[in-house]
Structure formats: C-alpha cells, structure tokens
N, C-alpha and C. Protein backbone atom coordinates (compact mmCIF):
# COMPACT_ATOMS: atom_id res chain seq x y z
N MET A 1 40.73 7.93 9.48
CA MET A 1 41.03 9.22 10.10
C MET A 1 42.03 9.96 9.22
N THR A 2 41.78 11.23 9.01
CA THR A 2 42.67 12.03 8.17
C THR A 2 44.00 12.25 8.88
N GLU A 3 45.00 12.61 8.11
CA GLU A 3 46.33 12.84 8.68
C GLU A 3 46.33 13.94 9.75
N PRO A 4 45.69 15.10 9.52
CA PRO A 4 45.67 16.11 10.58
C PRO A 4 44.97 15.63 11.85
N LYS A 5 43.89 14.85 11.70
CA LYS A 5 43.20 14.31 12.88
C LYS A 5 44.09 13.31 13.61
N ALA A 6 44.78 12.47 12.87
CA ALA A 6 45.69 11.50 13.48
C ALA A 6 46.84 12.21 14.19
N GLU A 7 47.33 13.28 13.59
CA GLU A 7 48.40 14.07 14.20
C GLU A 7 47.93 14.69 15.52
N LEU A 8 46.72 15.22 15.53
CA LEU A 8 46.17 15.82 16.75
C LEU A 8 45.94 14.75 17.82
N THR A 9 45.44 13.60 17.43
CA THR A 9 45.23 12.50 18.37
C THR A 9 46.54 12.09 19.01
N LYS A 10 47.59 12.00 18.22
CA LYS A 10 48.91 11.63 18.73
C LYS A 10 49.43 12.71 19.70
N LEU A 11 49.22 13.97 19.36
CA LEU A 11 49.63 15.07 20.23
C LEU A 11 48.90 14.99 21.57
N LEU A 12 47.59 14.74 21.54
CA LEU A 12 46.82 14.64 22.78
C LEU A 12 47.30 13.49 23.64
N ALA A 13 47.55 12.35 23.02
CA ALA A 13 48.03 11.19 23.77
C ALA A 13 49.36 11.50 24.45
N SER A 14 50.23 12.20 23.76
CA SER A 14 51.53 12.57 24.31
C SER A 14 51.37 13.57 25.47
N ILE A 15 50.55 14.59 25.26
CA ILE A 15 50.38 15.63 26.28
C ILE A 15 49.78 15.07 27.55
N PHE A 16 48.76 14.22 27.42
CA PHE A 16 48.03 13.76 28.60
C PHE A 16 48.46 12.38 29.10
N ALA A 17 49.58 11.87 28.59
CA ALA A 17 50.04 10.54 28.99
C ALA A 17 50.33 10.43 30.48
N ASP A 18 50.92 11.46 31.05
CA ASP A 18 51.28 11.39 32.47
C ASP A 18 50.30 12.13 33.38
N GLY A 19 49.25 12.70 32.80
CA GLY A 19 48.25 13.39 33.59
C GLY A 19 48.65 14.80 34.01
N ILE A 20 49.81 15.23 33.59
CA ILE A 20 50.30 16.57 33.92
C ILE A 20 50.57 17.31 32.63
N VAL A 21 49.98 18.49 32.51
CA VAL A 21 50.19 19.29 31.31
C VAL A 21 51.23 20.36 31.65
N GLU A 22 52.39 20.20 31.07
CA GLU A 22 53.46 21.16 31.31
C GLU A 22 53.28 22.37 30.41
N VAL A 23 53.94 23.45 30.74
CA VAL A 23 53.81 24.70 29.99
C VAL A 23 54.09 24.49 28.51
N GLY A 24 55.15 23.79 28.19
CA GLY A 24 55.50 23.53 26.79
C GLY A 24 54.44 22.73 26.07
N GLU A 25 53.83 21.77 26.77
CA GLU A 25 52.77 20.96 26.17
C GLU A 25 51.53 21.83 25.92
N HIS A 26 51.21 22.67 26.88
CA HIS A 26 50.06 23.57 26.72
C HIS A 26 50.28 24.49 25.51
N LYS A 27 51.48 25.03 25.40
CA LYS A 27 51.80 25.91 24.28
C LYS A 27 51.72 25.15 22.95
N ALA A 28 52.18 23.91 22.94
CA ALA A 28 52.12 23.10 21.71
C ALA A 28 50.68 22.86 21.29
N LEU A 29 49.80 22.59 22.25
CA LEU A 29 48.39 22.38 21.94
C LEU A 29 47.76 23.66 21.41
N MET A 30 48.03 24.77 22.06
CA MET A 30 47.46 26.04 21.61
C MET A 30 47.99 26.41 20.22
N ALA A 31 49.27 26.16 19.97
CA ALA A 31 49.85 26.45 18.65
C ALA A 31 49.21 25.56 17.59
N TYR A 32 48.99 24.30 17.92
CA TYR A 32 48.35 23.40 16.96
C TYR A 32 46.96 23.90 16.62
N ARG A 33 46.20 24.27 17.64
CA ARG A 33 44.83 24.75 17.41
C ARG A 33 44.83 26.02 16.56
N GLU A 34 45.82 26.87 16.77
CA GLU A 34 45.88 28.13 16.05
C GLU A 34 46.24 27.94 14.57
N HIS A 35 47.03 26.91 14.27
CA HIS A 35 47.55 26.74 12.92
C HIS A 35 47.03 25.50 12.19
N THR A 36 46.05 24.83 12.75
CA THR A 36 45.56 23.60 12.13
C THR A 36 44.69 23.89 10.90
N VAL A 37 44.68 22.92 10.01
CA VAL A 37 43.79 23.01 8.85
C VAL A 37 42.42 22.45 9.18
N LEU A 38 42.29 21.85 10.36
CA LEU A 38 41.01 21.27 10.78
C LEU A 38 40.03 22.37 11.18
N SER A 39 38.77 22.12 10.92
CA SER A 39 37.73 23.05 11.38
C SER A 39 37.58 22.89 12.89
N GLU A 40 36.94 23.85 13.51
CA GLU A 40 36.69 23.77 14.96
C GLU A 40 35.85 22.53 15.28
N ALA A 41 34.91 22.21 14.41
CA ALA A 41 34.08 21.00 14.60
C ALA A 41 34.94 19.74 14.54
N ASP A 42 35.90 19.69 13.61
CA ASP A 42 36.79 18.54 13.52
C ASP A 42 37.68 18.43 14.76
N VAL A 43 38.17 19.57 15.23
CA VAL A 43 39.00 19.57 16.44
C VAL A 43 38.19 19.04 17.62
N HIS A 44 36.96 19.52 17.78
CA HIS A 44 36.10 19.05 18.87
C HIS A 44 35.81 17.57 18.73
N ASP A 45 35.64 17.10 17.48
CA ASP A 45 35.40 15.68 17.25
C ASP A 45 36.60 14.86 17.72
N VAL A 46 37.81 15.29 17.39
CA VAL A 46 39.01 14.58 17.82
C VAL A 46 39.11 14.60 19.34
N PHE A 47 38.87 15.76 19.95
CA PHE A 47 38.93 15.87 21.41
C PHE A 47 37.91 14.94 22.06
N SER A 48 36.71 14.92 21.51
CA SER A 48 35.65 14.08 22.06
C SER A 48 36.01 12.60 21.96
N ARG A 49 36.53 12.19 20.82
CA ARG A 49 36.94 10.79 20.64
C ARG A 49 38.09 10.44 21.58
N PHE A 50 39.00 11.38 21.78
CA PHE A 50 40.11 11.15 22.71
C PHE A 50 39.59 10.92 24.12
N LEU A 51 38.67 11.77 24.57
CA LEU A 51 38.08 11.60 25.90
C LEU A 51 37.32 10.29 26.00
N GLU A 52 36.58 9.97 24.96
CA GLU A 52 35.80 8.73 24.94
C GLU A 52 36.71 7.51 25.09
N ALA A 53 37.82 7.51 24.37
CA ALA A 53 38.75 6.38 24.42
C ALA A 53 39.51 6.33 25.75
N LYS A 54 39.86 7.49 26.28
CA LYS A 54 40.67 7.53 27.51
C LYS A 54 39.86 7.20 28.75
N PHE A 55 38.59 7.55 28.74
CA PHE A 55 37.79 7.40 29.96
C PHE A 55 36.56 6.55 29.74
N THR A 56 36.78 5.28 29.50
CA THR A 56 35.71 4.31 29.48
C THR A 56 35.81 3.55 30.78
N MET A 57 34.78 3.68 31.61
CA MET A 57 34.83 3.06 32.94
C MET A 57 34.61 1.56 32.84
N ALA A 58 35.67 0.80 33.04
CA ALA A 58 35.56 -0.65 33.00
C ALA A 58 34.83 -1.17 34.23
N ASP A 59 35.09 -0.56 35.37
CA ASP A 59 34.50 -1.04 36.62
C ASP A 59 33.27 -0.24 37.05
N GLY A 60 32.91 0.78 36.27
CA GLY A 60 31.75 1.59 36.61
C GLY A 60 31.98 2.57 37.74
N LYS A 61 33.23 2.70 38.18
CA LYS A 61 33.55 3.60 39.28
C LYS A 61 34.65 4.56 38.84
N ILE A 62 34.68 5.71 39.49
CA ILE A 62 35.71 6.70 39.20
C ILE A 62 36.28 7.21 40.52
N THR A 63 37.59 7.30 40.56
CA THR A 63 38.25 7.80 41.77
C THR A 63 38.33 9.32 41.73
N GLY A 64 38.62 9.90 42.87
CA GLY A 64 38.81 11.35 42.92
C GLY A 64 39.94 11.79 42.02
N GLN A 65 41.00 10.99 41.96
CA GLN A 65 42.15 11.32 41.11
C GLN A 65 41.75 11.29 39.63
N GLU A 66 40.97 10.30 39.23
CA GLU A 66 40.50 10.23 37.85
C GLU A 66 39.61 11.42 37.52
N ARG A 67 38.75 11.80 38.47
CA ARG A 67 37.86 12.95 38.26
C ARG A 67 38.68 14.22 38.03
N LEU A 68 39.73 14.40 38.84
CA LEU A 68 40.60 15.57 38.67
C LEU A 68 41.30 15.55 37.31
N LEU A 69 41.76 14.38 36.90
CA LEU A 69 42.43 14.24 35.60
C LEU A 69 41.47 14.60 34.47
N ILE A 70 40.25 14.08 34.54
CA ILE A 70 39.26 14.38 33.51
C ILE A 70 38.97 15.88 33.47
N ALA A 71 38.75 16.46 34.63
CA ALA A 71 38.46 17.90 34.70
C ALA A 71 39.61 18.71 34.11
N ASN A 72 40.84 18.31 34.41
CA ASN A 72 42.01 19.01 33.88
C ASN A 72 42.07 18.91 32.36
N ILE A 73 41.81 17.74 31.83
CA ILE A 73 41.84 17.56 30.37
C ILE A 73 40.76 18.40 29.71
N VAL A 74 39.55 18.34 30.25
CA VAL A 74 38.45 19.13 29.67
C VAL A 74 38.79 20.61 29.71
N TRP A 75 39.36 21.07 30.82
CA TRP A 75 39.74 22.48 30.94
C TRP A 75 40.83 22.84 29.94
N GLU A 76 41.87 22.02 29.84
CA GLU A 76 42.98 22.29 28.92
C GLU A 76 42.51 22.32 27.47
N LEU A 77 41.55 21.47 27.14
CA LEU A 77 41.08 21.41 25.76
C LEU A 77 40.09 22.53 25.44
N ARG A 78 39.66 23.25 26.48
CA ARG A 78 38.71 24.37 26.30
C ARG A 78 37.46 23.91 25.56
N LEU A 79 36.94 22.78 25.99
CA LEU A 79 35.78 22.20 25.32
C LEU A 79 34.47 22.77 25.86
N PRO A 80 33.55 23.08 24.95
CA PRO A 80 32.21 23.42 25.42
C PRO A 80 31.54 22.14 25.92
N ASP A 81 30.59 22.27 26.82
CA ASP A 81 29.93 21.09 27.39
C ASP A 81 29.39 20.15 26.32
N THR A 82 28.88 20.72 25.24
CA THR A 82 28.29 19.89 24.20
C THR A 82 29.31 19.02 23.48
N ALA A 83 30.60 19.34 23.58
CA ALA A 83 31.64 18.55 22.92
C ALA A 83 32.21 17.48 23.84
N VAL A 84 31.80 17.49 25.10
CA VAL A 84 32.29 16.48 26.06
C VAL A 84 31.31 15.31 26.03
N PRO A 85 31.82 14.09 25.81
CA PRO A 85 30.92 12.93 25.77
C PRO A 85 30.06 12.86 27.04
N VAL A 86 28.83 12.41 26.87
CA VAL A 86 27.88 12.38 27.98
C VAL A 86 28.43 11.61 29.17
N HIS A 87 29.02 10.44 28.95
CA HIS A 87 29.50 9.66 30.09
C HIS A 87 30.65 10.37 30.80
N VAL A 88 31.42 11.17 30.08
CA VAL A 88 32.51 11.92 30.71
C VAL A 88 31.92 13.06 31.55
N ARG A 89 30.91 13.74 31.03
CA ARG A 89 30.23 14.78 31.83
C ARG A 89 29.64 14.20 33.10
N MET A 90 29.09 13.00 32.99
CA MET A 90 28.51 12.34 34.17
C MET A 90 29.58 12.03 35.19
N MET A 91 30.77 11.65 34.74
CA MET A 91 31.88 11.38 35.66
C MET A 91 32.24 12.62 36.45
N LEU A 92 32.17 13.77 35.81
CA LEU A 92 32.53 15.02 36.47
C LEU A 92 31.47 15.47 37.47
N GLN A 93 30.24 15.02 37.28
CA GLN A 93 29.14 15.44 38.15
C GLN A 93 28.98 14.58 39.38
N ASP A 94 29.43 13.36 39.34
CA ASP A 94 29.25 12.45 40.49
C ASP A 94 29.92 12.96 41.73
C-alpha cells in the first residue's frame, strides 16, 4: 500500500473508531479528500477496503446498531453504490 493510501486508511480508522463522526473529524476527512494526491478511484479503493475490513460478518447476522453505523460510514464517505462492497450493500438492505 502506498504511503498516501496508508495515511488515508489510518485517518478512516481514527475517525470511525467510536462510531461517531464529530465535526472536526468530518472536516479532516473532507480536507484530506480535497488535498490528496490520490485519484478518486484510489480514494474509493481505500474506502472500499476499509468497509470490507470493518464489516465482515463473522456470525452472518447484523444488528440494527451495526446497520446504522454502516449507513453512517457510507454516507460520510460519500461513496457511490458501485464503490460499496457487495456484502456491505446487502447488510444495508436487510
């Protein structure tokens, strides 16, 4: 993973660690996206990998709280449906 991708992954882990995106965290993410050297495709790739790693259903079930967390992350990341991993989209539809 390139340094900018690793930096973005670390930022995402920090922002979404507690499931609450504070104003400062939202601004930091938007600032990163505005000033990154990564292409939009690379940013979406990092976001997709982050979602994939964060939401792998070990038990095959998802709680309402997890569904809300996933929806919040997808919304905050401003991801198009095509950039959201299939299993994550399925979690949101159940």
